[in-house]
Amino acid sequence: MQRTWRPILNPWTDRIRSGGFILVLVLCACSSHTPADLHEASRESGRLLIEQYGCGTCHTVPGVRTATGKLAPPLGKFARRVYIAGSLPNDPDVLTRWIQHPQELVPATTMPDLGVSEQHARDMAAYLYSLR
């Protein structure tokens, strides 16, 4: 009779792992990334601003016809992401600041500071959070 190998698992470790996984799922489901200040922002304006500022030179952005860049990460399903720039929490205020001043948040980033105003950044963030 051949025995199959099975790892010895600590029941507490399994509970913590499954509980942590469930917590992450609940937090993701509850996080809509669209607080009141982004509801007021114009998503259509944000889409047009993404085109005007030339974000599509580096990024692919669904719904923006000129955004076909391959140098930076594609921004499809942006609202589902956990991080911005690999380490910043995907939060509307952080995203707005990132769009305005990426070099201040991550000095070594290749994303340029394009002189985006706060209102334009909020509109652009509203559009990105509509990408689910």
Protein backbone atom coordinates (compact mmCIF):
# COMPACT_ATOMS: atom_id res chain seq x y z
CA MET A 1 0.00 0.00 0.00
CA GLN A 2 1.46 3.29 -1.10
CA ARG A 3 0.88 6.29 1.12
CA THR A 4 0.27 9.67 -0.40
CA TRP A 5 2.20 12.50 1.12
CA ARG A 6 0.16 15.14 2.87
CA PRO A 7 1.63 18.06 4.76
CA ILE A 8 0.86 18.31 8.44
CA LEU A 9 -1.25 21.40 8.83
CA ASN A 10 -1.85 23.31 11.97
CA PRO A 11 -5.62 23.87 12.30
CA TRP A 12 -5.06 27.37 13.74
CA THR A 13 -2.86 28.37 10.81
CA ASP A 14 -5.56 27.20 8.40
CA ARG A 15 -8.21 29.23 10.24
CA ILE A 16 -6.03 32.35 10.22
CA ARG A 17 -5.27 31.94 6.52
CA SER A 18 -8.89 31.39 5.54
CA GLY A 19 -10.03 34.20 7.85
CA GLY A 20 -7.47 36.56 6.33
CA PHE A 21 -8.57 35.61 2.85
CA ILE A 22 -12.20 36.22 3.72
CA LEU A 23 -11.30 39.58 5.30
CA VAL A 24 -9.52 40.65 2.10
CA LEU A 25 -12.55 39.62 0.03
CA VAL A 26 -14.92 41.55 2.29
CA LEU A 27 -12.73 44.66 2.22
CA CYS A 28 -12.49 44.52 -1.57
CA ALA A 29 -16.23 44.08 -1.92
CA CYS A 30 -16.97 46.97 0.43
CA SER A 31 -14.45 49.32 -1.12
CA SER A 32 -16.11 51.08 -4.03
CA HIS A 33 -13.34 53.66 -4.60
CA THR A 34 -16.03 56.21 -5.37
CA PRO A 35 -16.49 58.50 -2.37
CA ALA A 36 -18.76 61.52 -2.59
CA ASP A 37 -16.08 63.85 -3.92
CA LEU A 38 -15.47 61.56 -6.90
CA HIS A 39 -19.20 61.17 -7.58
CA GLU A 40 -19.31 64.91 -8.18
CA ALA A 41 -16.40 64.78 -10.57
CA SER A 42 -17.25 64.34 -14.21
CA ARG A 43 -16.20 60.96 -15.54
CA GLU A 44 -16.67 62.12 -19.12
CA SER A 45 -14.49 65.13 -18.41
CA GLY A 46 -11.92 62.76 -16.89
CA ARG A 47 -11.92 60.60 -20.01
CA LEU A 48 -11.33 63.65 -22.20
CA LEU A 49 -8.62 64.95 -19.86
CA ILE A 50 -6.79 61.61 -20.01
CA GLU A 51 -6.69 62.10 -23.76
CA GLN A 52 -5.69 65.80 -23.55
CA TYR A 53 -2.84 65.22 -21.11
CA GLY A 54 -1.47 62.47 -23.35
CA CYS A 55 -1.70 59.65 -20.81
CA GLY A 56 -2.21 57.27 -23.71
CA THR A 57 1.34 57.88 -24.88
CA CYS A 58 2.42 55.46 -22.15
CA HIS A 59 -0.79 53.76 -20.94
CA THR A 60 -3.57 51.79 -22.59
CA VAL A 61 -6.86 53.13 -21.23
CA PRO A 62 -10.20 51.57 -22.22
CA GLY A 63 -12.61 54.13 -23.66
CA VAL A 64 -9.86 56.58 -24.62
CA ARG A 65 -9.25 56.08 -28.33
CA THR A 66 -5.74 57.57 -28.36
CA ALA A 67 -4.59 55.68 -25.27
CA THR A 68 -2.71 52.75 -26.76
CA GLY A 69 0.70 53.15 -25.09
CA LYS A 70 2.77 50.14 -24.15
CA LEU A 71 5.42 51.78 -21.92
CA ALA A 72 3.45 51.86 -18.65
CA PRO A 73 0.86 49.52 -17.12
CA PRO A 74 -2.51 49.29 -18.87
CA LEU A 75 -5.22 50.96 -16.79
CA GLY A 76 -8.12 48.64 -17.58
CA LYS A 77 -10.09 47.48 -14.50
CA PHE A 78 -8.29 50.14 -12.50
CA ALA A 79 -10.96 50.20 -9.78
CA ARG A 80 -10.12 46.60 -8.88
CA ARG A 81 -6.45 47.26 -8.18
CA VAL A 82 -5.03 47.21 -4.69
CA TYR A 83 -1.99 49.38 -5.39
CA ILE A 84 -0.99 52.39 -7.45
CA ALA A 85 2.60 52.43 -8.74
CA GLY A 86 3.23 49.07 -7.13
CA SER A 87 3.20 50.24 -3.51
CA LEU A 88 0.74 53.09 -2.89
CA PRO A 89 -2.74 52.14 -1.64
CA ASN A 90 -5.39 52.50 -4.31
CA ASP A 91 -7.36 55.25 -2.64
CA PRO A 92 -9.06 58.23 -4.36
CA ASP A 93 -7.05 60.84 -2.47
CA VAL A 94 -3.77 59.02 -3.14
CA LEU A 95 -4.67 58.60 -6.82
CA THR A 96 -5.52 62.29 -7.15
CA ARG A 97 -2.20 63.24 -5.62
CA TRP A 98 -0.38 60.63 -7.76
CA ILE A 99 -1.86 62.09 -10.94
CA GLN A 100 -0.81 65.59 -9.84
CA HIS A 101 2.64 64.93 -8.38
CA PRO A 102 3.92 61.40 -9.04
CA GLN A 103 7.55 62.40 -8.42
CA GLU A 104 6.71 63.53 -4.86
CA LEU A 105 5.15 60.17 -3.99
CA VAL A 106 7.67 57.93 -5.76
CA PRO A 107 10.81 59.89 -6.63
CA ALA A 108 12.25 57.21 -8.92
CA THR A 109 9.08 56.84 -11.01
CA THR A 110 9.15 57.41 -14.73
CA MET A 111 5.67 58.95 -14.63
CA PRO A 112 6.07 62.65 -15.39
CA ASP A 113 4.53 65.53 -13.50
CA LEU A 114 2.26 67.05 -16.16
CA GLY A 115 1.02 70.00 -14.13
CA VAL A 116 -2.46 68.53 -13.63
CA SER A 117 -4.76 70.67 -11.47
CA GLU A 118 -6.56 69.11 -8.50
CA GLN A 119 -9.96 69.27 -10.23
CA HIS A 120 -8.61 67.71 -13.40
CA ALA A 121 -6.92 64.98 -11.33
CA ARG A 122 -10.23 64.28 -9.53
CA ASP A 123 -12.07 64.01 -12.85
CA MET A 124 -9.40 61.69 -14.21
CA ALA A 125 -9.57 59.59 -11.04
CA ALA A 126 -13.36 59.39 -11.35
CA TYR A 127 -12.96 58.00 -14.86
CA LEU A 128 -10.31 55.49 -13.81
CA TYR A 129 -12.51 54.27 -10.94
CA SER A 130 -15.32 53.67 -13.42
CA LEU A 131 -13.11 51.05 -15.08
CA ARG A 132 -14.22 47.85 -13.42
